[in-house]
Amino acid sequence: MNTPRDDGPLGQRIRGFQHFGMTVQNMNRAYEFYTEVLGGTEIMRDGDFQGEKIHNTLLLNDEIEAIEKRINPATIGVPDLRGGQQRLDVRFIQFDNMVLELLHYRESGEPEGSGAAWAPAHESRSPAYPRSLHLCFYLRDDIDFNKFIHDLEAESAQRGMTNVRVNRIVAMPTEEGRRNAPLATMSNKISEGRSNGWALIYARGPEGEALEFVQALDPVKQVFASALEKRRQMAGS
């Protein structure tokens, strides 16, 4: 007798990631980067969210923490959606195998899209900090990774997004040195061990967000493909 899905392991009740969400400082700038530079397509947008229900849905745990510490919730980044002093706008962007949600918390009097963010951006951005997250984009097999990075920075700069910066695989103590590094230093191509065939590089997007770009060629491509097929078989059992 088959076990009812609702009584089975939690992992068998999950289909996978539905989307990755990122809170931004400037909605229009972030939207331009992820649609016009990286080529995503808009799924939908909604906004002006406020009120008791959405406030509690998103922010209750953080509000309780502030109450327990006897501090103003705003000091730990809790906006007042409940009373409508701040509002939330969202836009969903589709990539081939990922959906990205952009979230923008703004003052109620600020215009949608171009209004200033309600809270300042975090200054501590090293990926070594616990809780740090990054968005990872999967490059197609037949493209030149290094040229992609060169073109990404060039197109971003043409749009005034000079803060889009990609790491190099060699040490560079200055921004000028990083910018003028040879094309061959723009991706880390691994050719040994379990990760053989994997290529990667870390970057900063226009909002200061952590980005990763990867390419997975054989043999590591088959490692991921086999793992996915095994999971699909388990979920179907």
Protein backbone atom coordinates (compact mmCIF):
# COMPACT_ATOMS: atom_id res chain seq x y z
CA MET A 1 0.00 0.00 0.00
CA ASN A 2 1.38 3.38 -1.00
CA THR A 3 1.96 5.94 1.74
CA PRO A 4 -0.21 9.06 1.27
CA ARG A 5 1.94 11.95 0.07
CA ASP A 6 1.00 14.07 3.11
CA ASP A 7 2.33 11.36 5.43
CA GLY A 8 5.58 10.82 3.56
CA PRO A 9 9.01 12.42 4.10
CA LEU A 10 9.11 16.20 3.75
CA GLY A 11 11.57 15.97 0.87
CA GLN A 12 9.02 14.06 -1.20
CA ARG A 13 6.48 16.85 -0.73
CA ILE A 14 8.76 19.46 -2.29
CA ARG A 15 8.96 20.02 -6.06
CA GLY A 16 12.08 22.17 -5.85
CA PHE A 17 12.90 25.87 -5.72
CA GLN A 18 10.03 28.03 -6.99
CA HIS A 19 12.05 31.25 -7.03
CA PHE A 20 14.92 33.15 -5.47
CA GLY A 21 14.07 36.51 -3.94
CA MET A 22 16.26 39.59 -3.59
CA THR A 23 15.47 42.88 -1.88
CA VAL A 24 16.78 45.79 -3.94
CA GLN A 25 17.59 49.47 -3.45
CA ASN A 26 16.40 50.58 -6.88
CA MET A 27 13.74 48.46 -8.56
CA ASN A 28 14.06 49.91 -12.05
CA ARG A 29 17.85 49.57 -12.10
CA ALA A 30 17.73 45.96 -10.89
CA TYR A 31 14.95 45.14 -13.35
CA GLU A 32 16.96 46.61 -16.24
CA PHE A 33 20.01 44.53 -15.32
CA TYR A 34 18.20 41.21 -15.00
CA THR A 35 16.01 41.67 -18.06
CA GLU A 36 17.98 43.80 -20.54
CA VAL A 37 21.55 42.79 -19.58
CA LEU A 38 21.08 39.15 -18.51
CA GLY A 39 18.04 38.57 -20.70
CA GLY A 40 15.34 37.43 -18.29
CA THR A 41 11.68 38.01 -19.15
CA GLU A 42 9.05 39.48 -16.89
CA ILE A 43 6.43 37.08 -15.59
CA MET A 44 4.36 39.55 -13.59
CA ARG A 45 4.57 42.48 -11.23
CA ASP A 46 2.46 43.55 -8.30
CA GLY A 47 2.80 46.10 -5.57
CA ASP A 48 1.71 48.59 -3.00
CA PHE A 49 1.39 45.70 -0.54
CA GLN A 50 0.44 46.82 2.94
CA GLY A 51 -1.75 45.80 5.85
CA GLU A 52 -1.91 43.43 8.79
CA LYS A 53 -1.86 40.13 6.93
CA ILE A 54 1.13 40.78 4.66
CA HIS A 55 3.04 42.44 7.50
CA ASN A 56 2.66 39.39 9.73
CA THR A 57 3.33 36.97 6.87
CA LEU A 58 6.71 38.52 6.09
CA LEU A 59 7.88 40.17 9.28
CA LEU A 60 6.36 38.58 12.41
CA ASN A 61 9.49 36.75 13.61
CA ASP A 62 11.64 39.87 13.25
CA GLU A 63 9.02 41.98 15.03
CA ILE A 64 8.88 39.53 17.94
CA GLU A 65 12.67 39.68 18.19
CA ALA A 66 12.52 43.48 18.45
CA ILE A 67 9.78 43.34 21.08
CA GLU A 68 11.78 40.84 23.15
CA LYS A 69 14.84 43.13 22.96
CA ARG A 70 12.64 46.18 23.73
CA ILE A 71 13.86 48.09 20.72
CA ASN A 72 12.15 49.86 17.83
CA PRO A 73 11.51 47.25 15.10
CA ALA A 74 12.67 49.73 12.47
CA THR A 75 16.20 49.62 13.92
CA ILE A 76 16.54 45.98 12.86
CA GLY A 77 14.98 46.49 9.44
CA VAL A 78 11.27 45.94 10.09
CA PRO A 79 9.17 48.34 7.98
CA ASP A 80 5.63 49.30 8.93
CA LEU A 81 3.58 47.50 6.31
CA ARG A 82 0.86 47.00 8.91
CA GLY A 83 0.13 50.72 9.19
CA GLY A 84 1.01 51.48 5.58
CA GLN A 85 3.92 53.81 6.31
CA GLN A 86 5.98 51.62 4.00
CA ARG A 87 4.90 49.58 0.98
CA LEU A 88 6.24 46.55 -0.85
CA ASP A 89 6.49 46.09 -4.64
CA VAL A 90 7.52 42.87 -6.40
CA ARG A 91 8.48 41.79 -9.90
CA PHE A 92 9.05 38.21 -11.06
CA ILE A 93 11.59 37.48 -13.82
CA GLN A 94 11.87 34.18 -15.70
CA PHE A 95 15.11 32.52 -16.75
CA ASP A 96 15.32 29.09 -18.39
CA ASN A 97 15.46 27.14 -15.13
CA MET A 98 15.02 29.79 -12.45
CA VAL A 99 12.60 32.49 -11.38
CA LEU A 100 13.96 35.61 -9.69
CA GLU A 101 11.75 37.82 -7.52
CA LEU A 102 12.81 41.42 -6.97
CA LEU A 103 11.40 43.02 -3.81
CA HIS A 104 11.42 46.74 -3.11
CA TYR A 105 10.37 48.18 0.26
CA ARG A 106 9.71 51.91 -0.03
CA GLU A 107 8.10 54.78 1.84
CA SER A 108 4.41 55.13 1.00
CA GLY A 109 5.04 58.51 -0.63
CA GLU A 110 7.79 57.25 -2.93
CA PRO A 111 6.87 56.31 -6.53
CA GLU A 112 6.79 52.66 -7.55
CA GLY A 113 9.94 51.50 -9.32
CA SER A 114 12.10 54.60 -9.05
CA GLY A 115 11.50 55.42 -5.39
CA ALA A 116 14.30 55.16 -2.86
CA ALA A 117 14.54 52.05 -0.72
CA TRP A 118 13.17 52.34 2.81
CA ALA A 119 16.25 50.84 4.48
CA PRO A 120 19.96 51.28 3.69
CA ALA A 121 21.94 48.47 2.11
CA HIS A 122 24.12 46.24 4.29
CA GLU A 123 27.78 47.18 4.12
CA SER A 124 29.17 43.73 5.04
CA ARG A 125 29.10 41.79 1.78
CA SER A 126 31.78 39.11 1.97
CA PRO A 127 30.44 35.67 0.96
CA ALA A 128 32.25 34.26 4.01
CA TYR A 129 29.67 35.76 6.40
CA PRO A 130 27.09 33.26 7.68
CA ARG A 131 23.62 33.91 6.14
CA SER A 132 25.24 35.32 3.01
CA LEU A 133 23.36 34.27 -0.13
CA HIS A 134 24.16 34.52 -3.82
CA LEU A 135 22.38 34.09 -7.13
CA CYS A 136 24.00 31.59 -9.47
CA PHE A 137 23.46 31.70 -13.24
CA TYR A 138 24.14 28.62 -15.38
CA LEU A 139 25.93 29.41 -18.66
CA ARG A 140 25.28 27.38 -21.79
CA ASP A 141 27.80 24.74 -22.83
CA ASP A 142 28.78 26.32 -26.15
CA ILE A 143 29.68 29.84 -25.03
CA ASP A 144 33.11 31.28 -24.19
CA PHE A 145 32.97 31.90 -20.43
CA ASN A 146 35.71 34.54 -20.41
CA LYS A 147 34.16 36.52 -23.26
CA PHE A 148 30.78 36.39 -21.48
CA ILE A 149 32.31 38.06 -18.42
CA HIS A 150 34.05 40.68 -20.56
CA ASP A 151 30.80 41.48 -22.38
CA LEU A 152 28.79 41.53 -19.14
CA GLU A 153 31.00 44.21 -17.64
CA ALA A 154 31.11 46.19 -20.90
CA GLU A 155 27.34 46.25 -21.39
CA SER A 156 26.71 47.07 -17.73
CA ALA A 157 29.16 49.98 -17.91
CA GLN A 158 27.42 51.32 -21.03
CA ARG A 159 24.22 51.46 -18.98
CA GLY A 160 25.94 53.36 -16.17
CA MET A 161 26.14 50.29 -13.93
CA THR A 162 29.83 50.71 -13.18
CA ASN A 163 29.38 48.89 -9.87
CA VAL A 164 28.90 45.59 -11.74
CA ARG A 165 32.29 44.05 -11.02
CA VAL A 166 33.51 40.52 -11.62
CA ASN A 167 36.38 38.86 -9.76
CA ARG A 168 39.51 37.61 -11.48
CA ILE A 169 41.49 34.44 -10.75
CA VAL A 170 44.71 36.39 -10.13
CA ALA A 171 45.43 38.80 -7.28
CA MET A 172 44.82 42.44 -8.17
CA PRO A 173 45.34 45.08 -5.44
CA THR A 174 43.68 47.89 -7.41
CA GLU A 175 40.45 48.38 -9.33
CA GLU A 176 42.43 49.45 -12.40
CA GLY A 177 44.38 46.22 -12.29
CA ARG A 178 41.23 44.14 -11.95
CA ARG A 179 39.57 45.96 -14.82
CA ASN A 180 42.56 45.54 -17.16
CA ALA A 181 43.36 41.91 -16.30
CA PRO A 182 43.76 39.52 -19.28
CA LEU A 183 40.69 37.80 -20.70
CA ALA A 184 41.98 34.38 -19.59
CA THR A 185 41.75 35.42 -15.91
CA MET A 186 37.97 35.90 -15.92
CA SER A 187 36.90 32.36 -15.00
CA ASN A 188 38.20 29.55 -12.84
CA LYS A 189 38.16 26.38 -14.93
CA ILE A 190 38.59 23.24 -12.82
CA SER A 191 40.17 20.27 -14.58
CA GLU A 192 40.75 17.71 -11.83
CA GLY A 193 38.98 15.88 -9.03
CA ARG A 194 35.22 15.54 -8.65
CA SER A 195 34.69 19.06 -10.02
CA ASN A 196 36.47 18.38 -13.31
CA GLY A 197 34.59 20.32 -16.01
CA TRP A 198 33.24 22.96 -13.64
CA ALA A 199 33.97 26.64 -14.27
CA LEU A 200 32.96 29.52 -12.02
CA ILE A 201 33.46 33.14 -11.04
CA TYR A 202 31.91 35.43 -8.42
CA ALA A 203 30.69 38.95 -9.14
CA ARG A 204 28.77 41.93 -7.76
CA GLY A 205 25.55 43.04 -9.40
CA PRO A 206 24.20 46.60 -9.68
CA GLU A 207 22.56 46.40 -6.24
CA GLY A 208 25.77 45.13 -4.65
CA GLU A 209 24.29 41.63 -4.64
CA ALA A 210 26.52 38.54 -4.78
CA LEU A 211 26.35 36.75 -8.13
CA GLU A 212 27.95 33.57 -9.38
CA PHE A 213 28.23 32.40 -12.97
CA VAL A 214 28.98 28.73 -13.66
CA GLN A 215 29.43 26.35 -16.55
CA ALA A 216 29.28 22.58 -16.06
CA LEU A 217 30.82 20.45 -18.81
CA ASP A 218 31.62 16.73 -18.76
CA PRO A 219 32.47 14.90 -16.60
CA VAL A 220 30.94 16.96 -13.76
CA LYS A 221 27.87 17.63 -15.92
CA GLN A 222 27.05 13.93 -15.79
CA VAL A 223 27.45 13.89 -12.01
CA PHE A 224 24.69 16.50 -11.66
CA ALA A 225 22.51 14.86 -14.32
CA SER A 226 22.74 11.46 -12.62
CA ALA A 227 21.87 12.95 -9.23
CA LEU A 228 18.82 14.71 -10.68
CA GLU A 229 17.59 11.55 -12.38
CA LYS A 230 18.02 9.56 -9.16
CA ARG A 231 16.01 12.13 -7.21
CA ARG A 232 13.23 12.12 -9.80
CA GLN A 233 13.04 8.33 -9.56
CA MET A 234 12.83 8.52 -5.77
CA ALA A 235 10.08 11.16 -5.89
CA GLY A 236 8.09 9.03 -8.31
CA SER A 237 8.33 5.90 -6.20
